[in-house]
Every structure is written in structure tokens, then in C-alpha cells.
Amino acid sequence: MRTGIFEDEQFYICHDGRELRHLRTETKEQDGYTQIFEVYGCADCSGCEHKARCLYKYDAEKDAEKNKVMKINEQWEELKERSHANIQSERGILKRQTRSIQTEGHFGDIKENENFRRFNYRSSDKVYKEFMLYAIGRNINKYHRFLYEKLRKFEGKTA
């Protein structure tokens, strides 16, 4: 989709080159947060060869008279662009690099090598306790391997 501006009014241009003009503004209230959607639509989509690509669940027999309608949340789009810019910045790239080496290896090891795939409990408090017990056991096992290797160095040597 491309955008254009004509007489101080923004419109979108579909794949077939038809204009989608502003129809109305809709608001949606969910969890105490209000979303504002700008609704754009095409006046006539008859004879468009891209109709199957434009319309959701398009059926040629039933939806022959349907026209393209598009809802855009401009605030969401702005936040998405800002987030993408942050991720692609130099600082964002460095943060992604350090994040990738921090804990992902441990979780992969726990899932694959220890075959720990799901928790036995559902409440967050019980899941936290179960995982802490698992982590303590893992650390004790690590400490045991460390001591075993240290003792093995001196095996067979006399004082």
C-alpha cells in the first residue's frame, strides 16, 4: 500500500491503483485503554484482479460486491516505527548482541539436556518455587562436578 495526500486529506492507494479514502474514525475501549482507528475504504472494487489479495477470506461468489476496507491505528504505527528505529540503532544492536549470549544457553540446556518441558504447578508463586528448587539443584550439581574434577587432579599422588 502506498499513501498519498490530496487537498490536505490522506488516502491510500491499493495494488490496483485505486484510492482508499477516509470513511470514519472508530474507537475501541479495552482494559482501560482507548484505541483510535482511522477507517479507509475503496468506493468501488468491482473488476479488480487483486481482490483475493486485498480482502480477508475472499470468496468470489459471495463477496463479489464487497469493497476493500482498512483500519489503521496511527498511534500504534508510530510506536512500531520508533521501536524498529531503536532496535536498528547502534545501541540496540549492541543490546541484542549481549542479550543473545546471557541466559539463552542455560534455558536451552535445561529444555534439551535435562528434558524439563513444563511445570507441575500453575500459580506464579508455586512455579517460582519449583523453578528455584530446580535452579538450586542445578547449581549443586555444577558444584559437585567442580569438586570432583578438582579431586581427580590429585588422585594417585602421594603427599
C-alpha atoms as a PDB file:
ATOM      1  CA  MET A   1       0.000   0.000   0.000  1.00  0.00           C
ATOM      2  CA  ARG A   2       1.192   3.464  -0.865  1.00  0.00           C
ATOM      3  CA  THR A   3      -0.044   6.688   0.619  1.00  0.00           C
ATOM      4  CA  GLY A   4      -0.863   9.994  -0.992  1.00  0.00           C
ATOM      5  CA  ILE A   5      -2.144  13.396   0.077  1.00  0.00           C
ATOM      6  CA  PHE A   6      -4.767  15.312  -1.890  1.00  0.00           C
ATOM      7  CA  GLU A   7      -6.267  18.613  -0.654  1.00  0.00           C
ATOM      8  CA  ASP A   8      -4.922  18.051   2.900  1.00  0.00           C
ATOM      9  CA  GLU A   9      -6.574  14.629   3.084  1.00  0.00           C
ATOM     10  CA  GLN A  10      -4.508  11.472   3.367  1.00  0.00           C
ATOM     11  CA  PHE A  11      -5.518   8.466   1.280  1.00  0.00           C
ATOM     12  CA  TYR A  12      -4.061   5.087   0.439  1.00  0.00           C
ATOM     13  CA  ILE A  13      -3.548   3.519  -2.978  1.00  0.00           C
ATOM     14  CA  CYS A  14      -4.225  -0.218  -3.351  1.00  0.00           C
ATOM     15  CA  HIS A  15      -2.359  -2.718  -5.545  1.00  0.00           C
ATOM     16  CA  ASP A  16      -4.646  -1.963  -8.489  1.00  0.00           C
ATOM     17  CA  GLY A  17      -4.074   1.795  -8.199  1.00  0.00           C
ATOM     18  CA  ARG A  18      -7.485   2.625  -6.666  1.00  0.00           C
ATOM     19  CA  GLU A  19      -7.812   5.182  -3.892  1.00  0.00           C
ATOM     20  CA  LEU A  20      -8.918   4.272  -0.381  1.00  0.00           C
ATOM     21  CA  ARG A  21     -10.431   7.425   1.140  1.00  0.00           C
ATOM     22  CA  HIS A  22     -11.088   8.151   4.799  1.00  0.00           C
ATOM     23  CA  LEU A  23     -14.551   6.920   5.809  1.00  0.00           C
ATOM     24  CA  ARG A  24     -14.795   7.335   9.579  1.00  0.00           C
ATOM     25  CA  THR A  25     -12.957   7.210  12.896  1.00  0.00           C
ATOM     26  CA  GLU A  26     -13.629   4.306  15.278  1.00  0.00           C
ATOM     27  CA  THR A  27     -12.673   3.968  18.927  1.00  0.00           C
ATOM     28  CA  LYS A  28     -12.267   0.752  20.880  1.00  0.00           C
ATOM     29  CA  GLU A  29     -12.053   0.591  24.679  1.00  0.00           C
ATOM     30  CA  GLN A  30     -10.198  -2.389  26.116  1.00  0.00           C
ATOM     31  CA  ASP A  31      -8.712  -2.794  29.604  1.00  0.00           C
ATOM     32  CA  GLY A  32      -8.971   0.938  30.280  1.00  0.00           C
ATOM     33  CA  TYR A  33      -7.040   1.842  27.129  1.00  0.00           C
ATOM     34  CA  THR A  34      -8.678   3.552  24.177  1.00  0.00           C
ATOM     35  CA  GLN A  35      -7.574   2.676  20.664  1.00  0.00           C
ATOM     36  CA  ILE A  36      -8.405   5.055  17.820  1.00  0.00           C
ATOM     37  CA  PHE A  37      -8.704   3.591  14.326  1.00  0.00           C
ATOM     38  CA  GLU A  38      -8.927   5.563  11.097  1.00  0.00           C
ATOM     39  CA  VAL A  39     -11.049   3.592   8.624  1.00  0.00           C
ATOM     40  CA  TYR A  40     -10.239   3.869   4.921  1.00  0.00           C
ATOM     41  CA  GLY A  41     -12.225   2.269   2.121  1.00  0.00           C
ATOM     42  CA  CYS A  42     -12.423   1.964  -1.616  1.00  0.00           C
ATOM     43  CA  ALA A  43     -15.559   3.274  -3.328  1.00  0.00           C
ATOM     44  CA  ASP A  44     -15.641   0.550  -5.988  1.00  0.00           C
ATOM     45  CA  CYS A  45     -13.569  -2.639  -6.186  1.00  0.00           C
ATOM     46  CA  SER A  46     -15.542  -4.285  -8.992  1.00  0.00           C
ATOM     47  CA  GLY A  47     -13.353  -5.846 -11.652  1.00  0.00           C
ATOM     48  CA  CYS A  48     -10.200  -5.693  -9.528  1.00  0.00           C
ATOM     49  CA  GLU A  49      -7.848  -8.602 -10.182  1.00  0.00           C
ATOM     50  CA  HIS A  50      -6.147  -8.178  -6.754  1.00  0.00           C
ATOM     51  CA  LYS A  51      -9.377  -8.594  -4.772  1.00  0.00           C
ATOM     52  CA  ALA A  52      -8.389 -12.001  -3.397  1.00  0.00           C
ATOM     53  CA  ARG A  53      -5.174 -10.488  -2.033  1.00  0.00           C
ATOM     54  CA  CYS A  54      -6.924  -7.459  -0.511  1.00  0.00           C
ATOM     55  CA  LEU A  55      -9.982  -8.955   1.152  1.00  0.00           C
ATOM     56  CA  TYR A  56      -9.772 -11.273   4.151  1.00  0.00           C
ATOM     57  CA  LYS A  57     -11.266 -14.739   3.436  1.00  0.00           C
ATOM     58  CA  TYR A  58     -12.386 -13.707  -0.029  1.00  0.00           C
ATOM     59  CA  ASP A  59     -14.936 -15.908  -1.801  1.00  0.00           C
ATOM     60  CA  ALA A  60     -15.542 -14.892  -5.424  1.00  0.00           C
ATOM     61  CA  GLU A  61     -19.196 -15.985  -5.402  1.00  0.00           C
ATOM     62  CA  LYS A  62     -20.265 -14.440  -2.071  1.00  0.00           C
ATOM     63  CA  ASP A  63     -18.014 -11.376  -1.928  1.00  0.00           C
ATOM     64  CA  ALA A  64     -18.387 -10.023  -5.453  1.00  0.00           C
ATOM     65  CA  GLU A  65     -19.912  -6.755  -4.162  1.00  0.00           C
ATOM     66  CA  LYS A  66     -17.503  -6.244  -1.232  1.00  0.00           C
ATOM     67  CA  ASN A  67     -15.049  -3.364  -1.266  1.00  0.00           C
ATOM     68  CA  LYS A  68     -11.688  -3.016   0.466  1.00  0.00           C
ATOM     69  CA  VAL A  69     -11.881  -1.531   3.983  1.00  0.00           C
ATOM     70  CA  MET A  70      -8.742  -0.915   6.020  1.00  0.00           C
ATOM     71  CA  LYS A  71      -8.385   0.149   9.676  1.00  0.00           C
ATOM     72  CA  ILE A  72      -5.219   1.942  10.734  1.00  0.00           C
ATOM     73  CA  ASN A  73      -4.175   2.772  14.289  1.00  0.00           C
ATOM     74  CA  GLU A  74      -1.826   5.701  13.677  1.00  0.00           C
ATOM     75  CA  GLN A  75      -0.515   5.742  17.258  1.00  0.00           C
ATOM     76  CA  TRP A  76       0.362   2.042  17.010  1.00  0.00           C
ATOM     77  CA  GLU A  77       2.133   2.580  13.694  1.00  0.00           C
ATOM     78  CA  GLU A  78       4.173   5.436  15.190  1.00  0.00           C
ATOM     79  CA  LEU A  79       5.184   3.309  18.185  1.00  0.00           C
ATOM     80  CA  LYS A  80       6.104   0.437  15.866  1.00  0.00           C
ATOM     81  CA  GLU A  81       8.345   2.705  13.774  1.00  0.00           C
ATOM     82  CA  ARG A  82      10.027   4.120  16.885  1.00  0.00           C
ATOM     83  CA  SER A  83      10.617   0.603  18.249  1.00  0.00           C
ATOM     84  CA  HIS A  84      12.105  -0.541  14.921  1.00  0.00           C
ATOM     85  CA  ALA A  85      14.393   2.520  14.875  1.00  0.00           C
ATOM     86  CA  ASN A  86      15.567   1.722  18.423  1.00  0.00           C
ATOM     87  CA  ILE A  87      16.286  -1.895  17.520  1.00  0.00           C
ATOM     88  CA  GLN A  88      18.247  -0.919  14.409  1.00  0.00           C
ATOM     89  CA  SER A  89      20.273   1.796  16.167  1.00  0.00           C
ATOM     90  CA  GLU A  90      23.867   1.172  17.228  1.00  0.00           C
ATOM     91  CA  ARG A  91      22.833   0.926  20.885  1.00  0.00           C
ATOM     92  CA  GLY A  92      20.036  -1.507  20.019  1.00  0.00           C
ATOM     93  CA  ILE A  93      22.379  -3.752  18.046  1.00  0.00           C
ATOM     94  CA  LEU A  94      24.815  -3.886  20.980  1.00  0.00           C
ATOM     95  CA  LYS A  95      21.993  -4.724  23.403  1.00  0.00           C
ATOM     96  CA  ARG A  96      20.774  -7.528  21.125  1.00  0.00           C
ATOM     97  CA  GLN A  97      24.285  -8.968  20.903  1.00  0.00           C
ATOM     98  CA  THR A  98      24.772  -9.041  24.677  1.00  0.00           C
ATOM     99  CA  ARG A  99      21.280 -10.379  25.292  1.00  0.00           C
ATOM    100  CA  SER A 100      21.818 -13.284  22.933  1.00  0.00           C
ATOM    101  CA  ILE A 101      24.714 -14.648  24.998  1.00  0.00           C
ATOM    102  CA  GLN A 102      23.346 -14.152  28.505  1.00  0.00           C
ATOM    103  CA  THR A 103      20.797 -16.776  29.521  1.00  0.00           C
ATOM    104  CA  GLU A 104      19.577 -18.410  26.352  1.00  0.00           C
ATOM    105  CA  GLY A 105      22.166 -21.188  26.655  1.00  0.00           C
ATOM    106  CA  HIS A 106      21.027 -22.168  30.128  1.00  0.00           C
ATOM    107  CA  PHE A 107      17.367 -22.378  29.133  1.00  0.00           C
ATOM    108  CA  GLY A 108      18.265 -24.398  26.044  1.00  0.00           C
ATOM    109  CA  ASP A 109      20.341 -26.750  28.181  1.00  0.00           C
ATOM    110  CA  ILE A 110      17.511 -27.117  30.706  1.00  0.00           C
ATOM    111  CA  LYS A 111      14.975 -27.883  27.986  1.00  0.00           C
ATOM    112  CA  GLU A 112      17.029 -30.230  25.824  1.00  0.00           C
ATOM    113  CA  ASN A 113      19.590 -31.918  28.066  1.00  0.00           C
ATOM    114  CA  GLU A 114      17.563 -32.030  31.281  1.00  0.00           C
ATOM    115  CA  ASN A 115      14.251 -32.599  29.425  1.00  0.00           C
ATOM    116  CA  PHE A 116      12.454 -30.005  31.588  1.00  0.00           C
ATOM    117  CA  ARG A 117       9.496 -29.012  29.434  1.00  0.00           C
ATOM    118  CA  ARG A 118       6.679 -27.982  31.768  1.00  0.00           C
ATOM    119  CA  PHE A 119       5.966 -27.024  35.338  1.00  0.00           C
ATOM    120  CA  ASN A 120       3.921 -29.201  37.684  1.00  0.00           C
ATOM    121  CA  TYR A 121       2.086 -26.255  39.236  1.00  0.00           C
ATOM    122  CA  ARG A 122       0.107 -23.360  37.765  1.00  0.00           C
ATOM    123  CA  SER A 123       0.150 -20.417  40.186  1.00  0.00           C
ATOM    124  CA  SER A 124       3.018 -17.996  39.679  1.00  0.00           C
ATOM    125  CA  ASP A 125       4.164 -18.388  43.300  1.00  0.00           C
ATOM    126  CA  LYS A 126       4.380 -22.179  43.020  1.00  0.00           C
ATOM    127  CA  VAL A 127       6.044 -22.016  39.600  1.00  0.00           C
ATOM    128  CA  TYR A 128       8.635 -19.615  41.043  1.00  0.00           C
ATOM    129  CA  LYS A 129       9.334 -22.007  43.946  1.00  0.00           C
ATOM    130  CA  GLU A 130       9.568 -25.010  41.632  1.00  0.00           C
ATOM    131  CA  PHE A 131      11.998 -23.258  39.330  1.00  0.00           C
ATOM    132  CA  MET A 132      14.114 -22.020  42.265  1.00  0.00           C
ATOM    133  CA  LEU A 133      14.365 -25.596  43.584  1.00  0.00           C
ATOM    134  CA  TYR A 134      15.353 -26.740  40.110  1.00  0.00           C
ATOM    135  CA  ALA A 135      17.985 -23.978  39.875  1.00  0.00           C
ATOM    136  CA  ILE A 136      19.386 -24.832  43.321  1.00  0.00           C
ATOM    137  CA  GLY A 137      19.656 -28.489  42.316  1.00  0.00           C
ATOM    138  CA  ARG A 138      21.366 -27.492  39.103  1.00  0.00           C
ATOM    139  CA  ASN A 139      23.886 -25.327  40.974  1.00  0.00           C
ATOM    140  CA  ILE A 140      24.600 -28.133  43.476  1.00  0.00           C
ATOM    141  CA  ASN A 141      25.212 -30.489  40.558  1.00  0.00           C
ATOM    142  CA  LYS A 142      27.566 -27.934  38.984  1.00  0.00           C
ATOM    143  CA  TYR A 143      29.441 -27.510  42.271  1.00  0.00           C
ATOM    144  CA  HIS A 144      29.716 -31.297  42.630  1.00  0.00           C
ATOM    145  CA  ARG A 145      31.245 -31.605  39.140  1.00  0.00           C
ATOM    146  CA  PHE A 146      33.713 -28.819  40.005  1.00  0.00           C
ATOM    147  CA  LEU A 147      34.820 -30.558  43.227  1.00  0.00           C
ATOM    148  CA  TYR A 148      35.006 -33.951  41.513  1.00  0.00           C
ATOM    149  CA  GLU A 149      37.318 -32.546  38.810  1.00  0.00           C
ATOM    150  CA  LYS A 150      39.470 -30.847  41.447  1.00  0.00           C
ATOM    151  CA  LEU A 151      39.801 -34.082  43.462  1.00  0.00           C
ATOM    152  CA  ARG A 152      40.547 -36.125  40.346  1.00  0.00           C
ATOM    153  CA  LYS A 153      43.637 -33.987  39.686  1.00  0.00           C
ATOM    154  CA  PHE A 154      45.212 -35.238  42.900  1.00  0.00           C
ATOM    155  CA  GLU A 155      44.164 -38.853  42.504  1.00  0.00           C
ATOM    156  CA  GLY A 156      47.106 -41.243  42.739  1.00  0.00           C
ATOM    157  CA  LYS A 157      49.523 -38.594  44.015  1.00  0.00           C
ATOM    158  CA  THR A 158      51.083 -39.079  47.408  1.00  0.00           C
ATOM    159  CA  ALA A 159      51.646 -36.264  49.826  1.00  0.00           C
END
